[in-house]
Amino acid sequence: MVMISVGVNGVTHENEVEPRLLLVQYLRETLGLTGTNIGCDTSSCGACTVLLNGESVKSCTLLAVQADGADITTIEGLAGPDGTLHPVQEAFRQNHALQCGYCTPGMVMAAVSLLDEEDQLDENGVREGLEGNLCRCTGYHNIVKAVLSCASDRGMVTGAVS
């Protein structure tokens, strides 16, 4: 067992973990944060995407011990303490950017990171930026609309929004 200390959604957690425990399993099974989904276990789908020190990562590709000392934000940590949705969550709601909802937490987290990393976005940039996250229901059009609406609110859209 290895002792780790991680900040998750603003709370420090110290736990002994098996050295082979994946970060996604730590979040779900140890901390009970089940909003981070397990989709493929091969880093192909992005359902397990979280923010690690502000950057999106697929939590099925990291061991919990690799996150020692890091700050992690999961989908549960985006909304305000009063339940006010994060702007990306609200844009997904307003633009009907979900169908079954399984990919939604990972898509939202990847979109938050994309919006924080880029200065300008257009439709192609959003599609490329989210290409590591799959939607089995093929709801990509509304997902792109949601991300572009956030980018537009921030004054970072280039070209026409369809």
C-alpha atoms as a PDB file:
ATOM      1  CA  MET A   1       0.000   0.000   0.000  1.00  0.00           C
ATOM      2  CA  VAL A   2       1.094   3.560  -0.741  1.00  0.00           C
ATOM      3  CA  MET A   3      -0.116   6.708   1.029  1.00  0.00           C
ATOM      4  CA  ILE A   4      -1.312   9.467  -1.312  1.00  0.00           C
ATOM      5  CA  SER A   5      -2.652  12.942  -0.716  1.00  0.00           C
ATOM      6  CA  VAL A   6      -4.758  14.588  -3.412  1.00  0.00           C
ATOM      7  CA  GLY A   7      -7.001  17.592  -3.558  1.00  0.00           C
ATOM      8  CA  VAL A   8     -10.321  16.609  -5.108  1.00  0.00           C
ATOM      9  CA  ASN A   9     -12.919  19.299  -5.729  1.00  0.00           C
ATOM     10  CA  GLY A  10     -11.236  21.506  -3.138  1.00  0.00           C
ATOM     11  CA  VAL A  11     -11.004  18.871  -0.403  1.00  0.00           C
ATOM     12  CA  THR A  12      -7.751  17.140   0.560  1.00  0.00           C
ATOM     13  CA  HIS A  13      -7.949  13.356   0.760  1.00  0.00           C
ATOM     14  CA  GLU A  14      -5.262  11.121   2.229  1.00  0.00           C
ATOM     15  CA  ASN A  15      -5.610   7.414   1.598  1.00  0.00           C
ATOM     16  CA  GLU A  16      -3.547   4.275   1.404  1.00  0.00           C
ATOM     17  CA  VAL A  17      -3.977   2.763  -2.041  1.00  0.00           C
ATOM     18  CA  GLU A  18      -2.739  -0.226  -3.962  1.00  0.00           C
ATOM     19  CA  PRO A  19       0.062   0.885  -6.291  1.00  0.00           C
ATOM     20  CA  ARG A  20      -1.913  -0.471  -9.299  1.00  0.00           C
ATOM     21  CA  LEU A  21      -5.186   1.329  -8.476  1.00  0.00           C
ATOM     22  CA  LEU A  22      -6.333   3.474 -11.390  1.00  0.00           C
ATOM     23  CA  LEU A  23      -7.283   7.079 -10.688  1.00  0.00           C
ATOM     24  CA  VAL A  24     -10.806   6.460 -12.009  1.00  0.00           C
ATOM     25  CA  GLN A  25     -11.225   3.592  -9.549  1.00  0.00           C
ATOM     26  CA  TYR A  26      -9.891   5.731  -6.706  1.00  0.00           C
ATOM     27  CA  LEU A  27     -12.370   8.497  -7.494  1.00  0.00           C
ATOM     28  CA  ARG A  28     -15.331   6.153  -7.861  1.00  0.00           C
ATOM     29  CA  GLU A  29     -14.646   3.436  -5.304  1.00  0.00           C
ATOM     30  CA  THR A  30     -12.600   5.139  -2.607  1.00  0.00           C
ATOM     31  CA  LEU A  31     -14.075   8.644  -2.727  1.00  0.00           C
ATOM     32  CA  GLY A  32     -17.556   7.707  -3.998  1.00  0.00           C
ATOM     33  CA  LEU A  33     -17.459  10.264  -6.837  1.00  0.00           C
ATOM     34  CA  THR A  34     -19.344   8.233  -9.425  1.00  0.00           C
ATOM     35  CA  GLY A  35     -19.872  11.080 -11.892  1.00  0.00           C
ATOM     36  CA  THR A  36     -16.583  10.073 -13.492  1.00  0.00           C
ATOM     37  CA  ASN A  37     -17.652   7.170 -15.694  1.00  0.00           C
ATOM     38  CA  ILE A  38     -15.732   4.097 -16.768  1.00  0.00           C
ATOM     39  CA  GLY A  39     -16.382   3.566 -20.437  1.00  0.00           C
ATOM     40  CA  CYS A  40     -13.765   1.510 -22.202  1.00  0.00           C
ATOM     41  CA  ASP A  41     -10.808   1.001 -19.833  1.00  0.00           C
ATOM     42  CA  THR A  42      -8.495   1.658 -22.782  1.00  0.00           C
ATOM     43  CA  SER A  43      -8.431   5.494 -22.947  1.00  0.00           C
ATOM     44  CA  SER A  44     -10.427   5.427 -26.184  1.00  0.00           C
ATOM     45  CA  CYS A  45     -13.721   6.992 -25.092  1.00  0.00           C
ATOM     46  CA  GLY A  46     -12.994   9.815 -22.629  1.00  0.00           C
ATOM     47  CA  ALA A  47     -15.940   9.064 -20.311  1.00  0.00           C
ATOM     48  CA  CYS A  48     -13.495   9.164 -17.386  1.00  0.00           C
ATOM     49  CA  THR A  49     -12.059  12.612 -18.168  1.00  0.00           C
ATOM     50  CA  VAL A  50     -11.222  14.796 -15.167  1.00  0.00           C
ATOM     51  CA  LEU A  51      -9.077  17.881 -14.677  1.00  0.00           C
ATOM     52  CA  LEU A  52      -5.657  17.205 -13.159  1.00  0.00           C
ATOM     53  CA  ASN A  53      -3.979  20.467 -12.196  1.00  0.00           C
ATOM     54  CA  GLY A  54      -6.346  22.177 -14.628  1.00  0.00           C
ATOM     55  CA  GLU A  55      -5.708  19.949 -17.658  1.00  0.00           C
ATOM     56  CA  SER A  56      -8.043  17.275 -18.930  1.00  0.00           C
ATOM     57  CA  VAL A  57      -6.806  13.725 -18.493  1.00  0.00           C
ATOM     58  CA  LYS A  58      -8.382  10.345 -18.939  1.00  0.00           C
ATOM     59  CA  SER A  59      -8.386   8.979 -15.425  1.00  0.00           C
ATOM     60  CA  CYS A  60      -8.281   5.381 -16.661  1.00  0.00           C
ATOM     61  CA  THR A  61      -4.755   6.031 -17.949  1.00  0.00           C
ATOM     62  CA  LEU A  62      -3.285   7.201 -14.646  1.00  0.00           C
ATOM     63  CA  LEU A  63      -2.565   5.402 -11.446  1.00  0.00           C
ATOM     64  CA  ALA A  64      -3.844   7.030  -8.289  1.00  0.00           C
ATOM     65  CA  VAL A  65      -0.247   7.183  -7.011  1.00  0.00           C
ATOM     66  CA  GLN A  66       0.665   9.298 -10.049  1.00  0.00           C
ATOM     67  CA  ALA A  67      -1.864  11.891  -8.879  1.00  0.00           C
ATOM     68  CA  ASP A  68      -0.223  12.232  -5.456  1.00  0.00           C
ATOM     69  CA  GLY A  69       0.017  15.928  -4.635  1.00  0.00           C
ATOM     70  CA  ALA A  70      -2.230  16.961  -7.525  1.00  0.00           C
ATOM     71  CA  ASP A  71      -5.435  18.989  -7.599  1.00  0.00           C
ATOM     72  CA  ILE A  72      -8.259  17.120  -9.308  1.00  0.00           C
ATOM     73  CA  THR A  73     -11.623  18.436 -10.400  1.00  0.00           C
ATOM     74  CA  THR A  74     -14.393  15.998 -11.241  1.00  0.00           C
ATOM     75  CA  ILE A  75     -17.816  16.737 -12.684  1.00  0.00           C
ATOM     76  CA  GLU A  76     -19.122  16.938  -9.107  1.00  0.00           C
ATOM     77  CA  GLY A  77     -16.744  19.828  -8.422  1.00  0.00           C
ATOM     78  CA  LEU A  78     -17.809  22.103 -11.269  1.00  0.00           C
ATOM     79  CA  ALA A  79     -21.129  23.410  -9.981  1.00  0.00           C
ATOM     80  CA  GLY A  80     -21.109  26.139  -7.346  1.00  0.00           C
ATOM     81  CA  PRO A  81     -21.741  25.348  -3.680  1.00  0.00           C
ATOM     82  CA  ASP A  82     -25.314  26.578  -4.105  1.00  0.00           C
ATOM     83  CA  GLY A  83     -25.875  24.211  -7.051  1.00  0.00           C
ATOM     84  CA  THR A  84     -25.414  26.864  -9.739  1.00  0.00           C
ATOM     85  CA  LEU A  85     -24.201  25.073 -12.833  1.00  0.00           C
ATOM     86  CA  HIS A  86     -20.792  25.839 -14.310  1.00  0.00           C
ATOM     87  CA  PRO A  87     -21.195  27.789 -17.596  1.00  0.00           C
ATOM     88  CA  VAL A  88     -20.239  24.697 -19.619  1.00  0.00           C
ATOM     89  CA  GLN A  89     -22.779  22.565 -17.760  1.00  0.00           C
ATOM     90  CA  GLU A  90     -25.424  25.222 -18.358  1.00  0.00           C
ATOM     91  CA  ALA A  91     -24.530  25.426 -22.048  1.00  0.00           C
ATOM     92  CA  PHE A  92     -24.867  21.650 -22.361  1.00  0.00           C
ATOM     93  CA  ARG A  93     -28.305  21.905 -20.728  1.00  0.00           C
ATOM     94  CA  GLN A  94     -29.460  24.820 -22.875  1.00  0.00           C
ATOM     95  CA  ASN A  95     -28.202  23.262 -26.117  1.00  0.00           C
ATOM     96  CA  HIS A  96     -29.508  19.751 -25.394  1.00  0.00           C
ATOM     97  CA  ALA A  97     -25.943  18.470 -25.663  1.00  0.00           C
ATOM     98  CA  LEU A  98     -26.670  15.080 -24.205  1.00  0.00           C
ATOM     99  CA  GLN A  99     -28.685  12.064 -25.090  1.00  0.00           C
ATOM    100  CA  CYS A 100     -28.090   9.046 -22.888  1.00  0.00           C
ATOM    101  CA  GLY A 101     -25.728  11.170 -20.776  1.00  0.00           C
ATOM    102  CA  TYR A 102     -23.002   8.585 -20.333  1.00  0.00           C
ATOM    103  CA  CYS A 103     -20.333  10.622 -22.122  1.00  0.00           C
ATOM    104  CA  THR A 104     -21.552  13.934 -20.714  1.00  0.00           C
ATOM    105  CA  PRO A 105     -19.311  14.221 -17.614  1.00  0.00           C
ATOM    106  CA  GLY A 106     -16.187  13.498 -19.657  1.00  0.00           C
ATOM    107  CA  MET A 107     -17.295  15.775 -22.498  1.00  0.00           C
ATOM    108  CA  VAL A 108     -18.009  18.612 -20.081  1.00  0.00           C
ATOM    109  CA  MET A 109     -14.624  18.230 -18.392  1.00  0.00           C
ATOM    110  CA  ALA A 110     -12.811  18.092 -21.750  1.00  0.00           C
ATOM    111  CA  ALA A 111     -14.757  21.174 -22.905  1.00  0.00           C
ATOM    112  CA  VAL A 112     -13.832  23.104 -19.744  1.00  0.00           C
ATOM    113  CA  SER A 113     -10.168  22.336 -20.394  1.00  0.00           C
ATOM    114  CA  LEU A 114     -10.433  23.182 -24.090  1.00  0.00           C
ATOM    115  CA  LEU A 115     -12.044  26.545 -23.348  1.00  0.00           C
ATOM    116  CA  ASP A 116      -9.340  27.327 -20.795  1.00  0.00           C
ATOM    117  CA  GLU A 117      -6.496  26.338 -23.135  1.00  0.00           C
ATOM    118  CA  GLU A 118      -7.548  28.046 -26.368  1.00  0.00           C
ATOM    119  CA  ASP A 119      -7.748  31.744 -27.206  1.00  0.00           C
ATOM    120  CA  GLN A 120      -9.958  31.321 -30.269  1.00  0.00           C
ATOM    121  CA  LEU A 121     -12.280  28.498 -31.324  1.00  0.00           C
ATOM    122  CA  ASP A 122     -14.374  27.629 -34.328  1.00  0.00           C
ATOM    123  CA  GLU A 123     -16.394  24.517 -35.109  1.00  0.00           C
ATOM    124  CA  ASN A 124     -13.376  22.596 -36.404  1.00  0.00           C
ATOM    125  CA  GLY A 125     -11.326  23.588 -33.373  1.00  0.00           C
ATOM    126  CA  VAL A 126     -14.021  22.299 -31.021  1.00  0.00           C
ATOM    127  CA  ARG A 127     -14.350  19.045 -32.940  1.00  0.00           C
ATOM    128  CA  GLU A 128     -10.575  18.549 -32.929  1.00  0.00           C
ATOM    129  CA  GLY A 129     -10.297  19.553 -29.281  1.00  0.00           C
ATOM    130  CA  LEU A 130     -12.886  16.988 -28.227  1.00  0.00           C
ATOM    131  CA  GLU A 131     -11.862  14.205 -30.613  1.00  0.00           C
ATOM    132  CA  GLY A 132     -10.608  12.031 -27.759  1.00  0.00           C
ATOM    133  CA  ASN A 133     -14.099  11.895 -26.251  1.00  0.00           C
ATOM    134  CA  LEU A 134     -16.689   9.678 -27.882  1.00  0.00           C
ATOM    135  CA  CYS A 135     -20.472   9.966 -27.823  1.00  0.00           C
ATOM    136  CA  ARG A 136     -22.085   6.632 -28.612  1.00  0.00           C
ATOM    137  CA  CYS A 137     -25.400   8.389 -29.326  1.00  0.00           C
ATOM    138  CA  THR A 138     -23.677  10.617 -31.918  1.00  0.00           C
ATOM    139  CA  GLY A 139     -24.866  13.828 -30.274  1.00  0.00           C
ATOM    140  CA  TYR A 140     -21.824  15.743 -31.467  1.00  0.00           C
ATOM    141  CA  HIS A 141     -23.674  18.571 -33.213  1.00  0.00           C
ATOM    142  CA  ASN A 142     -25.293  19.839 -30.017  1.00  0.00           C
ATOM    143  CA  ILE A 143     -22.120  19.253 -28.004  1.00  0.00           C
ATOM    144  CA  VAL A 144     -20.210  21.465 -30.446  1.00  0.00           C
ATOM    145  CA  LYS A 145     -23.015  24.056 -30.271  1.00  0.00           C
ATOM    146  CA  ALA A 146     -22.771  24.078 -26.478  1.00  0.00           C
ATOM    147  CA  VAL A 147     -19.003  24.585 -26.470  1.00  0.00           C
ATOM    148  CA  LEU A 148     -19.248  27.295 -29.130  1.00  0.00           C
ATOM    149  CA  SER A 149     -21.923  29.091 -27.106  1.00  0.00           C
ATOM    150  CA  CYS A 150     -19.512  29.214 -24.151  1.00  0.00           C
ATOM    151  CA  ALA A 151     -16.708  30.360 -26.437  1.00  0.00           C
ATOM    152  CA  SER A 152     -19.007  33.041 -27.837  1.00  0.00           C
ATOM    153  CA  ASP A 153     -19.871  34.246 -24.332  1.00  0.00           C
ATOM    154  CA  ARG A 154     -16.119  34.616 -23.737  1.00  0.00           C
ATOM    155  CA  GLY A 155     -15.578  36.426 -27.061  1.00  0.00           C
ATOM    156  CA  MET A 156     -13.378  33.684 -28.448  1.00  0.00           C
ATOM    157  CA  VAL A 157     -15.326  32.401 -31.475  1.00  0.00           C
ATOM    158  CA  THR A 158     -13.844  32.728 -34.942  1.00  0.00           C
ATOM    159  CA  GLY A 159     -16.064  32.278 -37.964  1.00  0.00           C
ATOM    160  CA  ALA A 160     -19.789  31.657 -38.043  1.00  0.00           C
ATOM    161  CA  VAL A 161     -21.516  29.536 -35.419  1.00  0.00           C
ATOM    162  CA  SER A 162     -23.881  27.063 -37.072  1.00  0.00           C
END
